[in-house]
Amino acid sequence: MTVLGRLIALYPSLILSLTVATLGWFVYSPALLQPVLFLVILYIILPITLRLHQQVFPLRERLARLSDRTYSPWWGMHQIQVLYIAIPQLEAVLRLVPGLYSQWLRLWGSKVGRRVYWTPNVEIADRSLMEIGDRVIFGHHTKFFAHVIKPKGNALLLYIRTVKIGNDVFIGAGSRVGPGVVIADGAYLPVLTDLYVNQIVTAQPCSE
């Protein structure tokens, strides 16, 4: 791993330290400033950091070697987002307010349509690599990954590709969706559906 890769791995700890320090400041000297700063650190600074990171280290959808001695833009993006994977409640709260989580994903760079319904326990690993149409329903404990890592000999292969979901799609509870998956307009995914790399799902009538 490069020096930059090691440094950015400290980013989640830095953000966590800032939030703890802000809470401590509030306990010591309560004021409106600290809660505002707390929210800015958790919900504004990180997506802005990712946007800036993309400007300097653009992410390409491709097959690459994560173990190479070059900096991986995906690794940096993962470290910027990992706090929400470690503490999913931070995003679960956003899904309780209609439309707020969709706006949150747009802030990260995803394309999200209108009238999308999110259950509180949806997991998205790569927030900037989602394209979602209108009137999509995400079931309980659905998971979406725009990357996959596979060992090959002494190397780690990393494949990255955007997940694309059309209009009027229903995704059943417990479904897992991999990188490059394309779900057509009107498609229905039954409960516990697994979709693998680059799989294409066409619209089918719901079974009774």
C-alpha atoms as a PDB file:
ATOM      1  CA  MET A   1       0.000   0.000   0.000  1.00  0.00           C
ATOM      2  CA  THR A   2       1.220   3.498  -0.804  1.00  0.00           C
ATOM      3  CA  VAL A   3       1.936   6.184   1.770  1.00  0.00           C
ATOM      4  CA  LEU A   4      -1.170   8.061   0.618  1.00  0.00           C
ATOM      5  CA  GLY A   5      -3.214   4.887   1.019  1.00  0.00           C
ATOM      6  CA  ARG A   6      -2.022   4.517   4.615  1.00  0.00           C
ATOM      7  CA  LEU A   7      -2.709   8.164   5.375  1.00  0.00           C
ATOM      8  CA  ILE A   8      -6.258   8.150   4.036  1.00  0.00           C
ATOM      9  CA  ALA A   9      -6.969   5.020   6.084  1.00  0.00           C
ATOM     10  CA  LEU A  10      -6.698   7.342   9.108  1.00  0.00           C
ATOM     11  CA  TYR A  11      -9.469   9.583   7.779  1.00  0.00           C
ATOM     12  CA  PRO A  12     -12.368   7.775   9.530  1.00  0.00           C
ATOM     13  CA  SER A  13     -10.534   8.058  12.860  1.00  0.00           C
ATOM     14  CA  LEU A  14      -9.987  11.772  12.245  1.00  0.00           C
ATOM     15  CA  ILE A  15     -13.694  12.363  11.590  1.00  0.00           C
ATOM     16  CA  LEU A  16     -14.671  10.286  14.606  1.00  0.00           C
ATOM     17  CA  SER A  17     -12.221  12.231  16.794  1.00  0.00           C
ATOM     18  CA  LEU A  18     -13.658  15.541  15.586  1.00  0.00           C
ATOM     19  CA  THR A  19     -17.226  14.447  16.424  1.00  0.00           C
ATOM     20  CA  VAL A  20     -16.194  13.247  19.896  1.00  0.00           C
ATOM     21  CA  ALA A  21     -14.318  16.502  20.486  1.00  0.00           C
ATOM     22  CA  THR A  22     -17.386  18.480  19.415  1.00  0.00           C
ATOM     23  CA  LEU A  23     -19.574  16.544  21.853  1.00  0.00           C
ATOM     24  CA  GLY A  24     -17.048  17.143  24.634  1.00  0.00           C
ATOM     25  CA  TRP A  25     -17.000  20.841  23.811  1.00  0.00           C
ATOM     26  CA  PHE A  26     -20.799  20.904  24.028  1.00  0.00           C
ATOM     27  CA  VAL A  27     -20.767  19.244  27.458  1.00  0.00           C
ATOM     28  CA  TYR A  28     -18.154  21.712  28.696  1.00  0.00           C
ATOM     29  CA  SER A  29     -19.745  24.836  27.178  1.00  0.00           C
ATOM     30  CA  PRO A  30     -23.218  24.217  25.659  1.00  0.00           C
ATOM     31  CA  ALA A  31     -24.168  26.400  22.713  1.00  0.00           C
ATOM     32  CA  LEU A  32     -25.975  26.084  19.371  1.00  0.00           C
ATOM     33  CA  LEU A  33     -22.642  26.084  17.516  1.00  0.00           C
ATOM     34  CA  GLN A  34     -21.595  22.596  18.618  1.00  0.00           C
ATOM     35  CA  PRO A  35     -24.712  20.683  17.390  1.00  0.00           C
ATOM     36  CA  VAL A  36     -24.487  22.495  14.055  1.00  0.00           C
ATOM     37  CA  LEU A  37     -20.786  21.686  13.792  1.00  0.00           C
ATOM     38  CA  PHE A  38     -21.513  18.056  14.759  1.00  0.00           C
ATOM     39  CA  LEU A  39     -24.000  17.705  11.875  1.00  0.00           C
ATOM     40  CA  VAL A  40     -21.673  19.447   9.427  1.00  0.00           C
ATOM     41  CA  ILE A  41     -18.818  17.077  10.278  1.00  0.00           C
ATOM     42  CA  LEU A  42     -20.954  13.946   9.902  1.00  0.00           C
ATOM     43  CA  TYR A  43     -23.165  14.869   6.957  1.00  0.00           C
ATOM     44  CA  ILE A  44     -21.459  17.615   4.934  1.00  0.00           C
ATOM     45  CA  ILE A  45     -17.692  17.296   5.201  1.00  0.00           C
ATOM     46  CA  LEU A  46     -17.520  13.629   4.130  1.00  0.00           C
ATOM     47  CA  PRO A  47     -19.458  13.875   0.841  1.00  0.00           C
ATOM     48  CA  ILE A  48     -17.591  17.078  -0.003  1.00  0.00           C
ATOM     49  CA  THR A  49     -14.318  15.269   0.714  1.00  0.00           C
ATOM     50  CA  LEU A  50     -15.333  12.491  -1.663  1.00  0.00           C
ATOM     51  CA  ARG A  51     -16.215  14.979  -4.400  1.00  0.00           C
ATOM     52  CA  LEU A  52     -12.812  16.666  -4.023  1.00  0.00           C
ATOM     53  CA  HIS A  53     -11.106  13.264  -3.964  1.00  0.00           C
ATOM     54  CA  GLN A  54     -12.787  12.381  -7.254  1.00  0.00           C
ATOM     55  CA  GLN A  55     -11.484  15.561  -8.835  1.00  0.00           C
ATOM     56  CA  VAL A  56      -7.894  14.679  -7.953  1.00  0.00           C
ATOM     57  CA  PHE A  57      -8.174  10.874  -8.207  1.00  0.00           C
ATOM     58  CA  PRO A  58     -10.984  10.082 -10.677  1.00  0.00           C
ATOM     59  CA  LEU A  59     -12.496   6.629 -10.273  1.00  0.00           C
ATOM     60  CA  ARG A  60     -12.617   4.502 -13.418  1.00  0.00           C
ATOM     61  CA  GLU A  61     -15.041   1.632 -13.835  1.00  0.00           C
ATOM     62  CA  ARG A  62     -12.685  -1.217 -14.667  1.00  0.00           C
ATOM     63  CA  LEU A  63     -10.790  -4.268 -13.494  1.00  0.00           C
ATOM     64  CA  ALA A  64      -7.668  -3.290 -11.546  1.00  0.00           C
ATOM     65  CA  ARG A  65      -5.150  -4.728  -9.105  1.00  0.00           C
ATOM     66  CA  LEU A  66      -5.849  -3.443  -5.627  1.00  0.00           C
ATOM     67  CA  SER A  67      -2.531  -4.863  -4.477  1.00  0.00           C
ATOM     68  CA  ASP A  68      -0.426  -2.826  -6.950  1.00  0.00           C
ATOM     69  CA  ARG A  69       2.059  -0.290  -5.593  1.00  0.00           C
ATOM     70  CA  THR A  70      -0.028   2.604  -6.879  1.00  0.00           C
ATOM     71  CA  TYR A  71      -2.725   4.572  -5.102  1.00  0.00           C
ATOM     72  CA  SER A  72      -6.216   3.164  -5.636  1.00  0.00           C
ATOM     73  CA  PRO A  73      -8.943   5.837  -5.986  1.00  0.00           C
ATOM     74  CA  TRP A  74     -11.494   3.246  -4.868  1.00  0.00           C
ATOM     75  CA  TRP A  75      -9.532   2.634  -1.651  1.00  0.00           C
ATOM     76  CA  GLY A  76      -9.647   6.344  -0.847  1.00  0.00           C
ATOM     77  CA  MET A  77     -13.375   6.527  -1.591  1.00  0.00           C
ATOM     78  CA  HIS A  78     -13.980   3.483   0.586  1.00  0.00           C
ATOM     79  CA  GLN A  79     -12.178   5.069   3.539  1.00  0.00           C
ATOM     80  CA  ILE A  80     -14.214   8.257   3.161  1.00  0.00           C
ATOM     81  CA  GLN A  81     -17.458   6.246   3.312  1.00  0.00           C
ATOM     82  CA  VAL A  82     -16.493   3.529   5.786  1.00  0.00           C
ATOM     83  CA  LEU A  83     -17.823   5.384   8.844  1.00  0.00           C
ATOM     84  CA  TYR A  84     -21.389   4.858   7.585  1.00  0.00           C
ATOM     85  CA  ILE A  85     -20.737   1.156   7.084  1.00  0.00           C
ATOM     86  CA  ALA A  86     -19.322   0.831  10.599  1.00  0.00           C
ATOM     87  CA  ILE A  87     -22.159   2.882  12.138  1.00  0.00           C
ATOM     88  CA  PRO A  88     -25.204   2.276   9.885  1.00  0.00           C
ATOM     89  CA  GLN A  89     -27.510   4.140  12.280  1.00  0.00           C
ATOM     90  CA  LEU A  90     -26.053   7.414  10.967  1.00  0.00           C
ATOM     91  CA  GLU A  91     -27.791   6.812   7.641  1.00  0.00           C
ATOM     92  CA  ALA A  92     -30.789   4.880   8.979  1.00  0.00           C
ATOM     93  CA  VAL A  93     -31.973   8.110  10.623  1.00  0.00           C
ATOM     94  CA  LEU A  94     -31.949   9.873   7.250  1.00  0.00           C
ATOM     95  CA  ARG A  95     -34.256   7.248   5.743  1.00  0.00           C
ATOM     96  CA  LEU A  96     -36.979   8.102   8.261  1.00  0.00           C
ATOM     97  CA  VAL A  97     -37.557  11.439   6.504  1.00  0.00           C
ATOM     98  CA  PRO A  98     -39.165  11.044   3.040  1.00  0.00           C
ATOM     99  CA  GLY A  99     -36.804  12.145   0.273  1.00  0.00           C
ATOM    100  CA  LEU A 100     -33.873  12.955   2.556  1.00  0.00           C
ATOM    101  CA  TYR A 101     -31.835   9.815   1.866  1.00  0.00           C
ATOM    102  CA  SER A 102     -32.278  10.208  -1.892  1.00  0.00           C
ATOM    103  CA  GLN A 103     -30.930  13.746  -1.571  1.00  0.00           C
ATOM    104  CA  TRP A 104     -28.086  12.391   0.559  1.00  0.00           C
ATOM    105  CA  LEU A 105     -27.033   9.984  -2.207  1.00  0.00           C
ATOM    106  CA  ARG A 106     -27.182  12.790  -4.771  1.00  0.00           C
ATOM    107  CA  LEU A 107     -24.797  14.739  -2.557  1.00  0.00           C
ATOM    108  CA  TRP A 108     -22.322  11.873  -2.960  1.00  0.00           C
ATOM    109  CA  GLY A 109     -22.739  11.845  -6.748  1.00  0.00           C
ATOM    110  CA  SER A 110     -25.409   9.179  -7.315  1.00  0.00           C
ATOM    111  CA  LYS A 111     -28.295   9.686  -9.713  1.00  0.00           C
ATOM    112  CA  VAL A 112     -31.601   9.129  -7.899  1.00  0.00           C
ATOM    113  CA  GLY A 113     -35.070   9.641  -9.312  1.00  0.00           C
ATOM    114  CA  ARG A 114     -38.311  10.754  -7.685  1.00  0.00           C
ATOM    115  CA  ARG A 115     -40.571   8.978  -5.197  1.00  0.00           C
ATOM    116  CA  VAL A 116     -38.009   6.373  -4.165  1.00  0.00           C
ATOM    117  CA  TYR A 117     -38.858   4.503  -0.976  1.00  0.00           C
ATOM    118  CA  TRP A 118     -36.064   3.343   1.323  1.00  0.00           C
ATOM    119  CA  THR A 119     -36.514   1.041   4.284  1.00  0.00           C
ATOM    120  CA  PRO A 120     -34.267   1.959   7.252  1.00  0.00           C
ATOM    121  CA  ASN A 121     -31.900  -1.024   6.815  1.00  0.00           C
ATOM    122  CA  VAL A 122     -30.727  -0.616   3.223  1.00  0.00           C
ATOM    123  CA  GLU A 123     -26.942  -0.864   2.788  1.00  0.00           C
ATOM    124  CA  ILE A 124     -25.099   0.898  -0.035  1.00  0.00           C
ATOM    125  CA  ALA A 125     -21.349   0.370  -0.078  1.00  0.00           C
ATOM    126  CA  ASP A 126     -20.449   2.734  -2.935  1.00  0.00           C
ATOM    127  CA  ARG A 127     -22.591   5.851  -2.653  1.00  0.00           C
ATOM    128  CA  SER A 128     -21.336   7.579  -5.792  1.00  0.00           C
ATOM    129  CA  LEU A 129     -21.925   4.568  -8.061  1.00  0.00           C
ATOM    130  CA  MET A 130     -25.718   4.219  -8.098  1.00  0.00           C
ATOM    131  CA  GLU A 131     -28.191   5.158 -10.838  1.00  0.00           C
ATOM    132  CA  ILE A 132     -31.799   4.811  -9.661  1.00  0.00           C
ATOM    133  CA  GLY A 133     -34.973   5.635 -11.562  1.00  0.00           C
ATOM    134  CA  ASP A 134     -38.362   6.856 -10.368  1.00  0.00           C
ATOM    135  CA  ARG A 135     -40.761   5.033  -8.041  1.00  0.00           C
ATOM    136  CA  VAL A 136     -38.315   2.362  -6.843  1.00  0.00           C
ATOM    137  CA  ILE A 137     -39.003   0.427  -3.631  1.00  0.00           C
ATOM    138  CA  PHE A 138     -36.080  -0.956  -1.613  1.00  0.00           C
ATOM    139  CA  GLY A 139     -37.024  -3.794   0.740  1.00  0.00           C
ATOM    140  CA  HIS A 140     -35.701  -4.522   4.222  1.00  0.00           C
ATOM    141  CA  HIS A 141     -31.989  -5.439   4.478  1.00  0.00           C
ATOM    142  CA  THR A 142     -31.243  -5.023   0.761  1.00  0.00           C
ATOM    143  CA  LYS A 143     -27.554  -4.516  -0.056  1.00  0.00           C
ATOM    144  CA  PHE A 144     -25.812  -2.921  -3.026  1.00  0.00           C
ATOM    145  CA  PHE A 145     -22.143  -3.189  -3.960  1.00  0.00           C
ATOM    146  CA  ALA A 146     -20.596  -1.444  -6.974  1.00  0.00           C
ATOM    147  CA  HIS A 147     -17.317  -3.276  -6.390  1.00  0.00           C
ATOM    148  CA  VAL A 148     -16.081  -6.799  -5.870  1.00  0.00           C
ATOM    149  CA  ILE A 149     -12.643  -7.972  -4.715  1.00  0.00           C
ATOM    150  CA  LYS A 150     -11.234 -11.369  -5.637  1.00  0.00           C
ATOM    151  CA  PRO A 151      -7.854 -12.863  -4.714  1.00  0.00           C
ATOM    152  CA  LYS A 152      -5.801 -14.262  -7.584  1.00  0.00           C
ATOM    153  CA  GLY A 153      -2.450 -15.701  -6.570  1.00  0.00           C
ATOM    154  CA  ASN A 154      -0.643 -12.991  -4.628  1.00  0.00           C
ATOM    155  CA  ALA A 155      -2.794 -10.244  -6.128  1.00  0.00           C
ATOM    156  CA  LEU A 156      -6.168  -8.749  -5.219  1.00  0.00           C
ATOM    157  CA  LEU A 157      -8.340  -8.012  -8.234  1.00  0.00           C
ATOM    158  CA  LEU A 158     -10.807  -5.139  -7.888  1.00  0.00           C
ATOM    159  CA  TYR A 159     -13.746  -4.743 -10.270  1.00  0.00           C
ATOM    160  CA  ILE A 160     -15.796  -1.522 -10.199  1.00  0.00           C
ATOM    161  CA  ARG A 161     -18.981  -0.741 -12.101  1.00  0.00           C
ATOM    162  CA  THR A 162     -22.084   1.342 -11.430  1.00  0.00           C
ATOM    163  CA  VAL A 163     -25.320  -0.352 -10.340  1.00  0.00           C
ATOM    164  CA  LYS A 164     -28.236   0.775 -12.530  1.00  0.00           C
ATOM    165  CA  ILE A 165     -31.884   0.439 -11.483  1.00  0.00           C
ATOM    166  CA  GLY A 166     -34.745   1.501 -13.756  1.00  0.00           C
ATOM    167  CA  ASN A 167     -38.163   2.987 -13.065  1.00  0.00           C
ATOM    168  CA  ASP A 168     -40.950   1.222 -11.128  1.00  0.00           C
ATOM    169  CA  VAL A 169     -38.662  -1.487  -9.713  1.00  0.00           C
ATOM    170  CA  PHE A 170     -39.462  -3.472  -6.571  1.00  0.00           C
ATOM    171  CA  ILE A 171     -36.484  -5.007  -4.746  1.00  0.00           C
ATOM    172  CA  GLY A 172     -37.494  -7.693  -2.269  1.00  0.00           C
ATOM    173  CA  ALA A 173     -36.179  -7.919   1.280  1.00  0.00           C
ATOM    174  CA  GLY A 174     -32.737  -9.434   1.776  1.00  0.00           C
ATOM    175  CA  SER A 175     -31.688  -9.053  -1.855  1.00  0.00           C
ATOM    176  CA  ARG A 176     -28.022  -8.442  -2.690  1.00  0.00           C
ATOM    177  CA  VAL A 177     -26.925  -6.648  -5.848  1.00  0.00           C
ATOM    178  CA  GLY A 178     -23.382  -6.689  -7.242  1.00  0.00           C
ATOM    179  CA  PRO A 179     -21.376  -4.349  -9.496  1.00  0.00           C
ATOM    180  CA  GLY A 180     -22.529  -3.728 -13.044  1.00  0.00           C
ATOM    181  CA  VAL A 181     -26.024  -5.084 -12.412  1.00  0.00           C
ATOM    182  CA  VAL A 182     -28.734  -3.532 -14.593  1.00  0.00           C
ATOM    183  CA  ILE A 183     -32.369  -3.859 -13.478  1.00  0.00           C
ATOM    184  CA  ALA A 184     -34.861  -2.920 -16.182  1.00  0.00           C
ATOM    185  CA  ASP A 185     -37.958  -0.758 -15.790  1.00  0.00           C
ATOM    186  CA  GLY A 186     -40.792  -2.541 -14.048  1.00  0.00           C
ATOM    187  CA  ALA A 187     -38.690  -5.459 -12.781  1.00  0.00           C
ATOM    188  CA  TYR A 188     -39.597  -7.318  -9.600  1.00  0.00           C
ATOM    189  CA  LEU A 189     -36.967  -9.010  -7.436  1.00  0.00           C
ATOM    190  CA  PRO A 190     -38.339 -11.665  -5.074  1.00  0.00           C
ATOM    191  CA  VAL A 191     -37.188 -11.896  -1.473  1.00  0.00           C
ATOM    192  CA  LEU A 192     -33.518 -12.963  -0.998  1.00  0.00           C
ATOM    193  CA  THR A 193     -32.539 -12.468  -4.632  1.00  0.00           C
ATOM    194  CA  ASP A 194     -28.788 -12.448  -5.355  1.00  0.00           C
ATOM    195  CA  LEU A 195     -27.637 -10.630  -8.497  1.00  0.00           C
ATOM    196  CA  TYR A 196     -24.057 -11.191  -9.577  1.00  0.00           C
ATOM    197  CA  VAL A 197     -21.516  -9.132 -11.526  1.00  0.00           C
ATOM    198  CA  ASN A 198     -22.965  -7.511 -14.686  1.00  0.00           C
ATOM    199  CA  GLN A 199     -26.215  -9.479 -14.445  1.00  0.00           C
ATOM    200  CA  ILE A 200     -29.159  -7.978 -16.357  1.00  0.00           C
ATOM    201  CA  VAL A 201     -32.696  -8.319 -15.021  1.00  0.00           C
ATOM    202  CA  THR A 202     -35.636  -7.771 -17.365  1.00  0.00           C
ATOM    203  CA  ALA A 203     -39.175  -6.914 -16.342  1.00  0.00           C
ATOM    204  CA  GLN A 204     -41.377  -9.898 -15.455  1.00  0.00           C
ATOM    205  CA  PRO A 205     -44.918 -10.045 -14.094  1.00  0.00           C
ATOM    206  CA  CYS A 206     -45.169 -10.573 -10.340  1.00  0.00           C
ATOM    207  CA  SER A 207     -46.113 -14.133  -9.424  1.00  0.00           C
ATOM    208  CA  GLU A 208     -49.145 -14.666  -7.195  1.00  0.00           C
END
